[in-house]
Amino acid sequence: LRISHRSRNHLALMGGDGSYVLNG
């Protein structure tokens, strides 16, 4: 898996249980 972007926005990742892994 690879995800990338360039901006002031932030990637957020949510697990299968509905809780955020990062940036939530």
PDBML (XML) file of the C-alpha atoms, coordinates in Angstrom:
<?xml version="1.0" encoding="UTF-8" ?>
<PDBx:datablock datablockName="MODEL"
   xmlns:PDBx="http://pdbml.pdb.org/schema/pdbx-v50.xsd"
   xmlns:xsi="http://www.w3.org/2001/XMLSchema-instance"
   xsi:schemaLocation="http://pdbml.pdb.org/schema/pdbx-v50.xsd pdbx-v50.xsd">
   <PDBx:atom_siteCategory>
      <PDBx:atom_site id="1">
         <PDBx:B_iso_or_equiv>0.00</PDBx:B_iso_or_equiv>
         <PDBx:Cartn_x>0.000</PDBx:Cartn_x>
         <PDBx:Cartn_y>0.000</PDBx:Cartn_y>
         <PDBx:Cartn_z>0.000</PDBx:Cartn_z>
         <PDBx:auth_asym_id>A</PDBx:auth_asym_id>
         <PDBx:auth_atom_id>CA</PDBx:auth_atom_id>
         <PDBx:auth_comp_id>LEU</PDBx:auth_comp_id>
         <PDBx:auth_seq_id>1</PDBx:auth_seq_id>
         <PDBx:group_PDB>ATOM</PDBx:group_PDB>
         <PDBx:label_alt_id xsi:nil="true" />
         <PDBx:label_asym_id>A</PDBx:label_asym_id>
         <PDBx:label_atom_id>CA</PDBx:label_atom_id>
         <PDBx:label_comp_id>LEU</PDBx:label_comp_id>
         <PDBx:label_entity_id>1</PDBx:label_entity_id>
         <PDBx:label_seq_id>1</PDBx:label_seq_id>
         <PDBx:occupancy>1.00</PDBx:occupancy>
         <PDBx:pdbx_PDB_model_num>1</PDBx:pdbx_PDB_model_num>
         <PDBx:type_symbol>C</PDBx:type_symbol>
      </PDBx:atom_site>
      <PDBx:atom_site id="2">
         <PDBx:B_iso_or_equiv>0.00</PDBx:B_iso_or_equiv>
         <PDBx:Cartn_x>1.222</PDBx:Cartn_x>
         <PDBx:Cartn_y>3.495</PDBx:Cartn_y>
         <PDBx:Cartn_z>-0.885</PDBx:Cartn_z>
         <PDBx:auth_asym_id>A</PDBx:auth_asym_id>
         <PDBx:auth_atom_id>CA</PDBx:auth_atom_id>
         <PDBx:auth_comp_id>ARG</PDBx:auth_comp_id>
         <PDBx:auth_seq_id>2</PDBx:auth_seq_id>
         <PDBx:group_PDB>ATOM</PDBx:group_PDB>
         <PDBx:label_alt_id xsi:nil="true" />
         <PDBx:label_asym_id>A</PDBx:label_asym_id>
         <PDBx:label_atom_id>CA</PDBx:label_atom_id>
         <PDBx:label_comp_id>ARG</PDBx:label_comp_id>
         <PDBx:label_entity_id>1</PDBx:label_entity_id>
         <PDBx:label_seq_id>2</PDBx:label_seq_id>
         <PDBx:occupancy>1.00</PDBx:occupancy>
         <PDBx:pdbx_PDB_model_num>1</PDBx:pdbx_PDB_model_num>
         <PDBx:type_symbol>C</PDBx:type_symbol>
      </PDBx:atom_site>
      <PDBx:atom_site id="3">
         <PDBx:B_iso_or_equiv>0.00</PDBx:B_iso_or_equiv>
         <PDBx:Cartn_x>-0.700</PDBx:Cartn_x>
         <PDBx:Cartn_y>6.767</PDBx:Cartn_y>
         <PDBx:Cartn_z>-0.498</PDBx:Cartn_z>
         <PDBx:auth_asym_id>A</PDBx:auth_asym_id>
         <PDBx:auth_atom_id>CA</PDBx:auth_atom_id>
         <PDBx:auth_comp_id>ILE</PDBx:auth_comp_id>
         <PDBx:auth_seq_id>3</PDBx:auth_seq_id>
         <PDBx:group_PDB>ATOM</PDBx:group_PDB>
         <PDBx:label_alt_id xsi:nil="true" />
         <PDBx:label_asym_id>A</PDBx:label_asym_id>
         <PDBx:label_atom_id>CA</PDBx:label_atom_id>
         <PDBx:label_comp_id>ILE</PDBx:label_comp_id>
         <PDBx:label_entity_id>1</PDBx:label_entity_id>
         <PDBx:label_seq_id>3</PDBx:label_seq_id>
         <PDBx:occupancy>1.00</PDBx:occupancy>
         <PDBx:pdbx_PDB_model_num>1</PDBx:pdbx_PDB_model_num>
         <PDBx:type_symbol>C</PDBx:type_symbol>
      </PDBx:atom_site>
      <PDBx:atom_site id="4">
         <PDBx:B_iso_or_equiv>0.00</PDBx:B_iso_or_equiv>
         <PDBx:Cartn_x>0.702</PDBx:Cartn_x>
         <PDBx:Cartn_y>10.242</PDBx:Cartn_y>
         <PDBx:Cartn_z>-1.117</PDBx:Cartn_z>
         <PDBx:auth_asym_id>A</PDBx:auth_asym_id>
         <PDBx:auth_atom_id>CA</PDBx:auth_atom_id>
         <PDBx:auth_comp_id>SER</PDBx:auth_comp_id>
         <PDBx:auth_seq_id>4</PDBx:auth_seq_id>
         <PDBx:group_PDB>ATOM</PDBx:group_PDB>
         <PDBx:label_alt_id xsi:nil="true" />
         <PDBx:label_asym_id>A</PDBx:label_asym_id>
         <PDBx:label_atom_id>CA</PDBx:label_atom_id>
         <PDBx:label_comp_id>SER</PDBx:label_comp_id>
         <PDBx:label_entity_id>1</PDBx:label_entity_id>
         <PDBx:label_seq_id>4</PDBx:label_seq_id>
         <PDBx:occupancy>1.00</PDBx:occupancy>
         <PDBx:pdbx_PDB_model_num>1</PDBx:pdbx_PDB_model_num>
         <PDBx:type_symbol>C</PDBx:type_symbol>
      </PDBx:atom_site>
      <PDBx:atom_site id="5">
         <PDBx:B_iso_or_equiv>0.00</PDBx:B_iso_or_equiv>
         <PDBx:Cartn_x>-0.312</PDBx:Cartn_x>
         <PDBx:Cartn_y>13.850</PDBx:Cartn_y>
         <PDBx:Cartn_z>-1.679</PDBx:Cartn_z>
         <PDBx:auth_asym_id>A</PDBx:auth_asym_id>
         <PDBx:auth_atom_id>CA</PDBx:auth_atom_id>
         <PDBx:auth_comp_id>HIS</PDBx:auth_comp_id>
         <PDBx:auth_seq_id>5</PDBx:auth_seq_id>
         <PDBx:group_PDB>ATOM</PDBx:group_PDB>
         <PDBx:label_alt_id xsi:nil="true" />
         <PDBx:label_asym_id>A</PDBx:label_asym_id>
         <PDBx:label_atom_id>CA</PDBx:label_atom_id>
         <PDBx:label_comp_id>HIS</PDBx:label_comp_id>
         <PDBx:label_entity_id>1</PDBx:label_entity_id>
         <PDBx:label_seq_id>5</PDBx:label_seq_id>
         <PDBx:occupancy>1.00</PDBx:occupancy>
         <PDBx:pdbx_PDB_model_num>1</PDBx:pdbx_PDB_model_num>
         <PDBx:type_symbol>C</PDBx:type_symbol>
      </PDBx:atom_site>
      <PDBx:atom_site id="6">
         <PDBx:B_iso_or_equiv>0.00</PDBx:B_iso_or_equiv>
         <PDBx:Cartn_x>1.191</PDBx:Cartn_x>
         <PDBx:Cartn_y>17.324</PDBx:Cartn_y>
         <PDBx:Cartn_z>-1.357</PDBx:Cartn_z>
         <PDBx:auth_asym_id>A</PDBx:auth_asym_id>
         <PDBx:auth_atom_id>CA</PDBx:auth_atom_id>
         <PDBx:auth_comp_id>ARG</PDBx:auth_comp_id>
         <PDBx:auth_seq_id>6</PDBx:auth_seq_id>
         <PDBx:group_PDB>ATOM</PDBx:group_PDB>
         <PDBx:label_alt_id xsi:nil="true" />
         <PDBx:label_asym_id>A</PDBx:label_asym_id>
         <PDBx:label_atom_id>CA</PDBx:label_atom_id>
         <PDBx:label_comp_id>ARG</PDBx:label_comp_id>
         <PDBx:label_entity_id>1</PDBx:label_entity_id>
         <PDBx:label_seq_id>6</PDBx:label_seq_id>
         <PDBx:occupancy>1.00</PDBx:occupancy>
         <PDBx:pdbx_PDB_model_num>1</PDBx:pdbx_PDB_model_num>
         <PDBx:type_symbol>C</PDBx:type_symbol>
      </PDBx:atom_site>
      <PDBx:atom_site id="7">
         <PDBx:B_iso_or_equiv>0.00</PDBx:B_iso_or_equiv>
         <PDBx:Cartn_x>-0.982</PDBx:Cartn_x>
         <PDBx:Cartn_y>19.926</PDBx:Cartn_y>
         <PDBx:Cartn_z>0.359</PDBx:Cartn_z>
         <PDBx:auth_asym_id>A</PDBx:auth_asym_id>
         <PDBx:auth_atom_id>CA</PDBx:auth_atom_id>
         <PDBx:auth_comp_id>SER</PDBx:auth_comp_id>
         <PDBx:auth_seq_id>7</PDBx:auth_seq_id>
         <PDBx:group_PDB>ATOM</PDBx:group_PDB>
         <PDBx:label_alt_id xsi:nil="true" />
         <PDBx:label_asym_id>A</PDBx:label_asym_id>
         <PDBx:label_atom_id>CA</PDBx:label_atom_id>
         <PDBx:label_comp_id>SER</PDBx:label_comp_id>
         <PDBx:label_entity_id>1</PDBx:label_entity_id>
         <PDBx:label_seq_id>7</PDBx:label_seq_id>
         <PDBx:occupancy>1.00</PDBx:occupancy>
         <PDBx:pdbx_PDB_model_num>1</PDBx:pdbx_PDB_model_num>
         <PDBx:type_symbol>C</PDBx:type_symbol>
      </PDBx:atom_site>
      <PDBx:atom_site id="8">
         <PDBx:B_iso_or_equiv>0.00</PDBx:B_iso_or_equiv>
         <PDBx:Cartn_x>-1.950</PDBx:Cartn_x>
         <PDBx:Cartn_y>21.331</PDBx:Cartn_y>
         <PDBx:Cartn_z>3.736</PDBx:Cartn_z>
         <PDBx:auth_asym_id>A</PDBx:auth_asym_id>
         <PDBx:auth_atom_id>CA</PDBx:auth_atom_id>
         <PDBx:auth_comp_id>ARG</PDBx:auth_comp_id>
         <PDBx:auth_seq_id>8</PDBx:auth_seq_id>
         <PDBx:group_PDB>ATOM</PDBx:group_PDB>
         <PDBx:label_alt_id xsi:nil="true" />
         <PDBx:label_asym_id>A</PDBx:label_asym_id>
         <PDBx:label_atom_id>CA</PDBx:label_atom_id>
         <PDBx:label_comp_id>ARG</PDBx:label_comp_id>
         <PDBx:label_entity_id>1</PDBx:label_entity_id>
         <PDBx:label_seq_id>8</PDBx:label_seq_id>
         <PDBx:occupancy>1.00</PDBx:occupancy>
         <PDBx:pdbx_PDB_model_num>1</PDBx:pdbx_PDB_model_num>
         <PDBx:type_symbol>C</PDBx:type_symbol>
      </PDBx:atom_site>
      <PDBx:atom_site id="9">
         <PDBx:B_iso_or_equiv>0.00</PDBx:B_iso_or_equiv>
         <PDBx:Cartn_x>-4.582</PDBx:Cartn_x>
         <PDBx:Cartn_y>18.603</PDBx:Cartn_y>
         <PDBx:Cartn_z>4.027</PDBx:Cartn_z>
         <PDBx:auth_asym_id>A</PDBx:auth_asym_id>
         <PDBx:auth_atom_id>CA</PDBx:auth_atom_id>
         <PDBx:auth_comp_id>ASN</PDBx:auth_comp_id>
         <PDBx:auth_seq_id>9</PDBx:auth_seq_id>
         <PDBx:group_PDB>ATOM</PDBx:group_PDB>
         <PDBx:label_alt_id xsi:nil="true" />
         <PDBx:label_asym_id>A</PDBx:label_asym_id>
         <PDBx:label_atom_id>CA</PDBx:label_atom_id>
         <PDBx:label_comp_id>ASN</PDBx:label_comp_id>
         <PDBx:label_entity_id>1</PDBx:label_entity_id>
         <PDBx:label_seq_id>9</PDBx:label_seq_id>
         <PDBx:occupancy>1.00</PDBx:occupancy>
         <PDBx:pdbx_PDB_model_num>1</PDBx:pdbx_PDB_model_num>
         <PDBx:type_symbol>C</PDBx:type_symbol>
      </PDBx:atom_site>
      <PDBx:atom_site id="10">
         <PDBx:B_iso_or_equiv>0.00</PDBx:B_iso_or_equiv>
         <PDBx:Cartn_x>-3.948</PDBx:Cartn_x>
         <PDBx:Cartn_y>15.506</PDBx:Cartn_y>
         <PDBx:Cartn_z>6.139</PDBx:Cartn_z>
         <PDBx:auth_asym_id>A</PDBx:auth_asym_id>
         <PDBx:auth_atom_id>CA</PDBx:auth_atom_id>
         <PDBx:auth_comp_id>HIS</PDBx:auth_comp_id>
         <PDBx:auth_seq_id>10</PDBx:auth_seq_id>
         <PDBx:group_PDB>ATOM</PDBx:group_PDB>
         <PDBx:label_alt_id xsi:nil="true" />
         <PDBx:label_asym_id>A</PDBx:label_asym_id>
         <PDBx:label_atom_id>CA</PDBx:label_atom_id>
         <PDBx:label_comp_id>HIS</PDBx:label_comp_id>
         <PDBx:label_entity_id>1</PDBx:label_entity_id>
         <PDBx:label_seq_id>10</PDBx:label_seq_id>
         <PDBx:occupancy>1.00</PDBx:occupancy>
         <PDBx:pdbx_PDB_model_num>1</PDBx:pdbx_PDB_model_num>
         <PDBx:type_symbol>C</PDBx:type_symbol>
      </PDBx:atom_site>
      <PDBx:atom_site id="11">
         <PDBx:B_iso_or_equiv>0.00</PDBx:B_iso_or_equiv>
         <PDBx:Cartn_x>-4.523</PDBx:Cartn_x>
         <PDBx:Cartn_y>11.831</PDBx:Cartn_y>
         <PDBx:Cartn_z>5.466</PDBx:Cartn_z>
         <PDBx:auth_asym_id>A</PDBx:auth_asym_id>
         <PDBx:auth_atom_id>CA</PDBx:auth_atom_id>
         <PDBx:auth_comp_id>LEU</PDBx:auth_comp_id>
         <PDBx:auth_seq_id>11</PDBx:auth_seq_id>
         <PDBx:group_PDB>ATOM</PDBx:group_PDB>
         <PDBx:label_alt_id xsi:nil="true" />
         <PDBx:label_asym_id>A</PDBx:label_asym_id>
         <PDBx:label_atom_id>CA</PDBx:label_atom_id>
         <PDBx:label_comp_id>LEU</PDBx:label_comp_id>
         <PDBx:label_entity_id>1</PDBx:label_entity_id>
         <PDBx:label_seq_id>11</PDBx:label_seq_id>
         <PDBx:occupancy>1.00</PDBx:occupancy>
         <PDBx:pdbx_PDB_model_num>1</PDBx:pdbx_PDB_model_num>
         <PDBx:type_symbol>C</PDBx:type_symbol>
      </PDBx:atom_site>
      <PDBx:atom_site id="12">
         <PDBx:B_iso_or_equiv>0.00</PDBx:B_iso_or_equiv>
         <PDBx:Cartn_x>-6.589</PDBx:Cartn_x>
         <PDBx:Cartn_y>10.009</PDBx:Cartn_y>
         <PDBx:Cartn_z>8.085</PDBx:Cartn_z>
         <PDBx:auth_asym_id>A</PDBx:auth_asym_id>
         <PDBx:auth_atom_id>CA</PDBx:auth_atom_id>
         <PDBx:auth_comp_id>ALA</PDBx:auth_comp_id>
         <PDBx:auth_seq_id>12</PDBx:auth_seq_id>
         <PDBx:group_PDB>ATOM</PDBx:group_PDB>
         <PDBx:label_alt_id xsi:nil="true" />
         <PDBx:label_asym_id>A</PDBx:label_asym_id>
         <PDBx:label_atom_id>CA</PDBx:label_atom_id>
         <PDBx:label_comp_id>ALA</PDBx:label_comp_id>
         <PDBx:label_entity_id>1</PDBx:label_entity_id>
         <PDBx:label_seq_id>12</PDBx:label_seq_id>
         <PDBx:occupancy>1.00</PDBx:occupancy>
         <PDBx:pdbx_PDB_model_num>1</PDBx:pdbx_PDB_model_num>
         <PDBx:type_symbol>C</PDBx:type_symbol>
      </PDBx:atom_site>
      <PDBx:atom_site id="13">
         <PDBx:B_iso_or_equiv>0.00</PDBx:B_iso_or_equiv>
         <PDBx:Cartn_x>-6.801</PDBx:Cartn_x>
         <PDBx:Cartn_y>6.257</PDBx:Cartn_y>
         <PDBx:Cartn_z>8.544</PDBx:Cartn_z>
         <PDBx:auth_asym_id>A</PDBx:auth_asym_id>
         <PDBx:auth_atom_id>CA</PDBx:auth_atom_id>
         <PDBx:auth_comp_id>LEU</PDBx:auth_comp_id>
         <PDBx:auth_seq_id>13</PDBx:auth_seq_id>
         <PDBx:group_PDB>ATOM</PDBx:group_PDB>
         <PDBx:label_alt_id xsi:nil="true" />
         <PDBx:label_asym_id>A</PDBx:label_asym_id>
         <PDBx:label_atom_id>CA</PDBx:label_atom_id>
         <PDBx:label_comp_id>LEU</PDBx:label_comp_id>
         <PDBx:label_entity_id>1</PDBx:label_entity_id>
         <PDBx:label_seq_id>13</PDBx:label_seq_id>
         <PDBx:occupancy>1.00</PDBx:occupancy>
         <PDBx:pdbx_PDB_model_num>1</PDBx:pdbx_PDB_model_num>
         <PDBx:type_symbol>C</PDBx:type_symbol>
      </PDBx:atom_site>
      <PDBx:atom_site id="14">
         <PDBx:B_iso_or_equiv>0.00</PDBx:B_iso_or_equiv>
         <PDBx:Cartn_x>-9.656</PDBx:Cartn_x>
         <PDBx:Cartn_y>4.479</PDBx:Cartn_y>
         <PDBx:Cartn_z>10.289</PDBx:Cartn_z>
         <PDBx:auth_asym_id>A</PDBx:auth_asym_id>
         <PDBx:auth_atom_id>CA</PDBx:auth_atom_id>
         <PDBx:auth_comp_id>MET</PDBx:auth_comp_id>
         <PDBx:auth_seq_id>14</PDBx:auth_seq_id>
         <PDBx:group_PDB>ATOM</PDBx:group_PDB>
         <PDBx:label_alt_id xsi:nil="true" />
         <PDBx:label_asym_id>A</PDBx:label_asym_id>
         <PDBx:label_atom_id>CA</PDBx:label_atom_id>
         <PDBx:label_comp_id>MET</PDBx:label_comp_id>
         <PDBx:label_entity_id>1</PDBx:label_entity_id>
         <PDBx:label_seq_id>14</PDBx:label_seq_id>
         <PDBx:occupancy>1.00</PDBx:occupancy>
         <PDBx:pdbx_PDB_model_num>1</PDBx:pdbx_PDB_model_num>
         <PDBx:type_symbol>C</PDBx:type_symbol>
      </PDBx:atom_site>
      <PDBx:atom_site id="15">
         <PDBx:B_iso_or_equiv>0.00</PDBx:B_iso_or_equiv>
         <PDBx:Cartn_x>-9.531</PDBx:Cartn_x>
         <PDBx:Cartn_y>0.847</PDBx:Cartn_y>
         <PDBx:Cartn_z>11.404</PDBx:Cartn_z>
         <PDBx:auth_asym_id>A</PDBx:auth_asym_id>
         <PDBx:auth_atom_id>CA</PDBx:auth_atom_id>
         <PDBx:auth_comp_id>GLY</PDBx:auth_comp_id>
         <PDBx:auth_seq_id>15</PDBx:auth_seq_id>
         <PDBx:group_PDB>ATOM</PDBx:group_PDB>
         <PDBx:label_alt_id xsi:nil="true" />
         <PDBx:label_asym_id>A</PDBx:label_asym_id>
         <PDBx:label_atom_id>CA</PDBx:label_atom_id>
         <PDBx:label_comp_id>GLY</PDBx:label_comp_id>
         <PDBx:label_entity_id>1</PDBx:label_entity_id>
         <PDBx:label_seq_id>15</PDBx:label_seq_id>
         <PDBx:occupancy>1.00</PDBx:occupancy>
         <PDBx:pdbx_PDB_model_num>1</PDBx:pdbx_PDB_model_num>
         <PDBx:type_symbol>C</PDBx:type_symbol>
      </PDBx:atom_site>
      <PDBx:atom_site id="16">
         <PDBx:B_iso_or_equiv>0.00</PDBx:B_iso_or_equiv>
         <PDBx:Cartn_x>-12.209</PDBx:Cartn_x>
         <PDBx:Cartn_y>-1.767</PDBx:Cartn_y>
         <PDBx:Cartn_z>10.902</PDBx:Cartn_z>
         <PDBx:auth_asym_id>A</PDBx:auth_asym_id>
         <PDBx:auth_atom_id>CA</PDBx:auth_atom_id>
         <PDBx:auth_comp_id>GLY</PDBx:auth_comp_id>
         <PDBx:auth_seq_id>16</PDBx:auth_seq_id>
         <PDBx:group_PDB>ATOM</PDBx:group_PDB>
         <PDBx:label_alt_id xsi:nil="true" />
         <PDBx:label_asym_id>A</PDBx:label_asym_id>
         <PDBx:label_atom_id>CA</PDBx:label_atom_id>
         <PDBx:label_comp_id>GLY</PDBx:label_comp_id>
         <PDBx:label_entity_id>1</PDBx:label_entity_id>
         <PDBx:label_seq_id>16</PDBx:label_seq_id>
         <PDBx:occupancy>1.00</PDBx:occupancy>
         <PDBx:pdbx_PDB_model_num>1</PDBx:pdbx_PDB_model_num>
         <PDBx:type_symbol>C</PDBx:type_symbol>
      </PDBx:atom_site>
      <PDBx:atom_site id="17">
         <PDBx:B_iso_or_equiv>0.00</PDBx:B_iso_or_equiv>
         <PDBx:Cartn_x>-13.626</PDBx:Cartn_x>
         <PDBx:Cartn_y>-1.118</PDBx:Cartn_y>
         <PDBx:Cartn_z>14.388</PDBx:Cartn_z>
         <PDBx:auth_asym_id>A</PDBx:auth_asym_id>
         <PDBx:auth_atom_id>CA</PDBx:auth_atom_id>
         <PDBx:auth_comp_id>ASP</PDBx:auth_comp_id>
         <PDBx:auth_seq_id>17</PDBx:auth_seq_id>
         <PDBx:group_PDB>ATOM</PDBx:group_PDB>
         <PDBx:label_alt_id xsi:nil="true" />
         <PDBx:label_asym_id>A</PDBx:label_asym_id>
         <PDBx:label_atom_id>CA</PDBx:label_atom_id>
         <PDBx:label_comp_id>ASP</PDBx:label_comp_id>
         <PDBx:label_entity_id>1</PDBx:label_entity_id>
         <PDBx:label_seq_id>17</PDBx:label_seq_id>
         <PDBx:occupancy>1.00</PDBx:occupancy>
         <PDBx:pdbx_PDB_model_num>1</PDBx:pdbx_PDB_model_num>
         <PDBx:type_symbol>C</PDBx:type_symbol>
      </PDBx:atom_site>
      <PDBx:atom_site id="18">
         <PDBx:B_iso_or_equiv>0.00</PDBx:B_iso_or_equiv>
         <PDBx:Cartn_x>-14.352</PDBx:Cartn_x>
         <PDBx:Cartn_y>2.527</PDBx:Cartn_y>
         <PDBx:Cartn_z>13.562</PDBx:Cartn_z>
         <PDBx:auth_asym_id>A</PDBx:auth_asym_id>
         <PDBx:auth_atom_id>CA</PDBx:auth_atom_id>
         <PDBx:auth_comp_id>GLY</PDBx:auth_comp_id>
         <PDBx:auth_seq_id>18</PDBx:auth_seq_id>
         <PDBx:group_PDB>ATOM</PDBx:group_PDB>
         <PDBx:label_alt_id xsi:nil="true" />
         <PDBx:label_asym_id>A</PDBx:label_asym_id>
         <PDBx:label_atom_id>CA</PDBx:label_atom_id>
         <PDBx:label_comp_id>GLY</PDBx:label_comp_id>
         <PDBx:label_entity_id>1</PDBx:label_entity_id>
         <PDBx:label_seq_id>18</PDBx:label_seq_id>
         <PDBx:occupancy>1.00</PDBx:occupancy>
         <PDBx:pdbx_PDB_model_num>1</PDBx:pdbx_PDB_model_num>
         <PDBx:type_symbol>C</PDBx:type_symbol>
      </PDBx:atom_site>
      <PDBx:atom_site id="19">
         <PDBx:B_iso_or_equiv>0.00</PDBx:B_iso_or_equiv>
         <PDBx:Cartn_x>-11.533</PDBx:Cartn_x>
         <PDBx:Cartn_y>4.012</PDBx:Cartn_y>
         <PDBx:Cartn_z>15.627</PDBx:Cartn_z>
         <PDBx:auth_asym_id>A</PDBx:auth_asym_id>
         <PDBx:auth_atom_id>CA</PDBx:auth_atom_id>
         <PDBx:auth_comp_id>SER</PDBx:auth_comp_id>
         <PDBx:auth_seq_id>19</PDBx:auth_seq_id>
         <PDBx:group_PDB>ATOM</PDBx:group_PDB>
         <PDBx:label_alt_id xsi:nil="true" />
         <PDBx:label_asym_id>A</PDBx:label_asym_id>
         <PDBx:label_atom_id>CA</PDBx:label_atom_id>
         <PDBx:label_comp_id>SER</PDBx:label_comp_id>
         <PDBx:label_entity_id>1</PDBx:label_entity_id>
         <PDBx:label_seq_id>19</PDBx:label_seq_id>
         <PDBx:occupancy>1.00</PDBx:occupancy>
         <PDBx:pdbx_PDB_model_num>1</PDBx:pdbx_PDB_model_num>
         <PDBx:type_symbol>C</PDBx:type_symbol>
      </PDBx:atom_site>
      <PDBx:atom_site id="20">
         <PDBx:B_iso_or_equiv>0.00</PDBx:B_iso_or_equiv>
         <PDBx:Cartn_x>-8.887</PDBx:Cartn_x>
         <PDBx:Cartn_y>6.210</PDBx:Cartn_y>
         <PDBx:Cartn_z>14.044</PDBx:Cartn_z>
         <PDBx:auth_asym_id>A</PDBx:auth_asym_id>
         <PDBx:auth_atom_id>CA</PDBx:auth_atom_id>
         <PDBx:auth_comp_id>TYR</PDBx:auth_comp_id>
         <PDBx:auth_seq_id>20</PDBx:auth_seq_id>
         <PDBx:group_PDB>ATOM</PDBx:group_PDB>
         <PDBx:label_alt_id xsi:nil="true" />
         <PDBx:label_asym_id>A</PDBx:label_asym_id>
         <PDBx:label_atom_id>CA</PDBx:label_atom_id>
         <PDBx:label_comp_id>TYR</PDBx:label_comp_id>
         <PDBx:label_entity_id>1</PDBx:label_entity_id>
         <PDBx:label_seq_id>20</PDBx:label_seq_id>
         <PDBx:occupancy>1.00</PDBx:occupancy>
         <PDBx:pdbx_PDB_model_num>1</PDBx:pdbx_PDB_model_num>
         <PDBx:type_symbol>C</PDBx:type_symbol>
      </PDBx:atom_site>
      <PDBx:atom_site id="21">
         <PDBx:B_iso_or_equiv>0.00</PDBx:B_iso_or_equiv>
         <PDBx:Cartn_x>-5.348</PDBx:Cartn_x>
         <PDBx:Cartn_y>4.934</PDBx:Cartn_y>
         <PDBx:Cartn_z>13.639</PDBx:Cartn_z>
         <PDBx:auth_asym_id>A</PDBx:auth_asym_id>
         <PDBx:auth_atom_id>CA</PDBx:auth_atom_id>
         <PDBx:auth_comp_id>VAL</PDBx:auth_comp_id>
         <PDBx:auth_seq_id>21</PDBx:auth_seq_id>
         <PDBx:group_PDB>ATOM</PDBx:group_PDB>
         <PDBx:label_alt_id xsi:nil="true" />
         <PDBx:label_asym_id>A</PDBx:label_asym_id>
         <PDBx:label_atom_id>CA</PDBx:label_atom_id>
         <PDBx:label_comp_id>VAL</PDBx:label_comp_id>
         <PDBx:label_entity_id>1</PDBx:label_entity_id>
         <PDBx:label_seq_id>21</PDBx:label_seq_id>
         <PDBx:occupancy>1.00</PDBx:occupancy>
         <PDBx:pdbx_PDB_model_num>1</PDBx:pdbx_PDB_model_num>
         <PDBx:type_symbol>C</PDBx:type_symbol>
      </PDBx:atom_site>
      <PDBx:atom_site id="22">
         <PDBx:B_iso_or_equiv>0.00</PDBx:B_iso_or_equiv>
         <PDBx:Cartn_x>-3.929</PDBx:Cartn_x>
         <PDBx:Cartn_y>8.385</PDBx:Cartn_y>
         <PDBx:Cartn_z>12.918</PDBx:Cartn_z>
         <PDBx:auth_asym_id>A</PDBx:auth_asym_id>
         <PDBx:auth_atom_id>CA</PDBx:auth_atom_id>
         <PDBx:auth_comp_id>LEU</PDBx:auth_comp_id>
         <PDBx:auth_seq_id>22</PDBx:auth_seq_id>
         <PDBx:group_PDB>ATOM</PDBx:group_PDB>
         <PDBx:label_alt_id xsi:nil="true" />
         <PDBx:label_asym_id>A</PDBx:label_asym_id>
         <PDBx:label_atom_id>CA</PDBx:label_atom_id>
         <PDBx:label_comp_id>LEU</PDBx:label_comp_id>
         <PDBx:label_entity_id>1</PDBx:label_entity_id>
         <PDBx:label_seq_id>22</PDBx:label_seq_id>
         <PDBx:occupancy>1.00</PDBx:occupancy>
         <PDBx:pdbx_PDB_model_num>1</PDBx:pdbx_PDB_model_num>
         <PDBx:type_symbol>C</PDBx:type_symbol>
      </PDBx:atom_site>
      <PDBx:atom_site id="23">
         <PDBx:B_iso_or_equiv>0.00</PDBx:B_iso_or_equiv>
         <PDBx:Cartn_x>-5.043</PDBx:Cartn_x>
         <PDBx:Cartn_y>11.977</PDBx:Cartn_y>
         <PDBx:Cartn_z>12.327</PDBx:Cartn_z>
         <PDBx:auth_asym_id>A</PDBx:auth_asym_id>
         <PDBx:auth_atom_id>CA</PDBx:auth_atom_id>
         <PDBx:auth_comp_id>ASN</PDBx:auth_comp_id>
         <PDBx:auth_seq_id>23</PDBx:auth_seq_id>
         <PDBx:group_PDB>ATOM</PDBx:group_PDB>
         <PDBx:label_alt_id xsi:nil="true" />
         <PDBx:label_asym_id>A</PDBx:label_asym_id>
         <PDBx:label_atom_id>CA</PDBx:label_atom_id>
         <PDBx:label_comp_id>ASN</PDBx:label_comp_id>
         <PDBx:label_entity_id>1</PDBx:label_entity_id>
         <PDBx:label_seq_id>23</PDBx:label_seq_id>
         <PDBx:occupancy>1.00</PDBx:occupancy>
         <PDBx:pdbx_PDB_model_num>1</PDBx:pdbx_PDB_model_num>
         <PDBx:type_symbol>C</PDBx:type_symbol>
      </PDBx:atom_site>
      <PDBx:atom_site id="24">
         <PDBx:B_iso_or_equiv>0.00</PDBx:B_iso_or_equiv>
         <PDBx:Cartn_x>-8.531</PDBx:Cartn_x>
         <PDBx:Cartn_y>11.378</PDBx:Cartn_y>
         <PDBx:Cartn_z>13.686</PDBx:Cartn_z>
         <PDBx:auth_asym_id>A</PDBx:auth_asym_id>
         <PDBx:auth_atom_id>CA</PDBx:auth_atom_id>
         <PDBx:auth_comp_id>GLY</PDBx:auth_comp_id>
         <PDBx:auth_seq_id>24</PDBx:auth_seq_id>
         <PDBx:group_PDB>ATOM</PDBx:group_PDB>
         <PDBx:label_alt_id xsi:nil="true" />
         <PDBx:label_asym_id>A</PDBx:label_asym_id>
         <PDBx:label_atom_id>CA</PDBx:label_atom_id>
         <PDBx:label_comp_id>GLY</PDBx:label_comp_id>
         <PDBx:label_entity_id>1</PDBx:label_entity_id>
         <PDBx:label_seq_id>24</PDBx:label_seq_id>
         <PDBx:occupancy>1.00</PDBx:occupancy>
         <PDBx:pdbx_PDB_model_num>1</PDBx:pdbx_PDB_model_num>
         <PDBx:type_symbol>C</PDBx:type_symbol>
      </PDBx:atom_site>
   </PDBx:atom_siteCategory>
</PDBx:datablock>
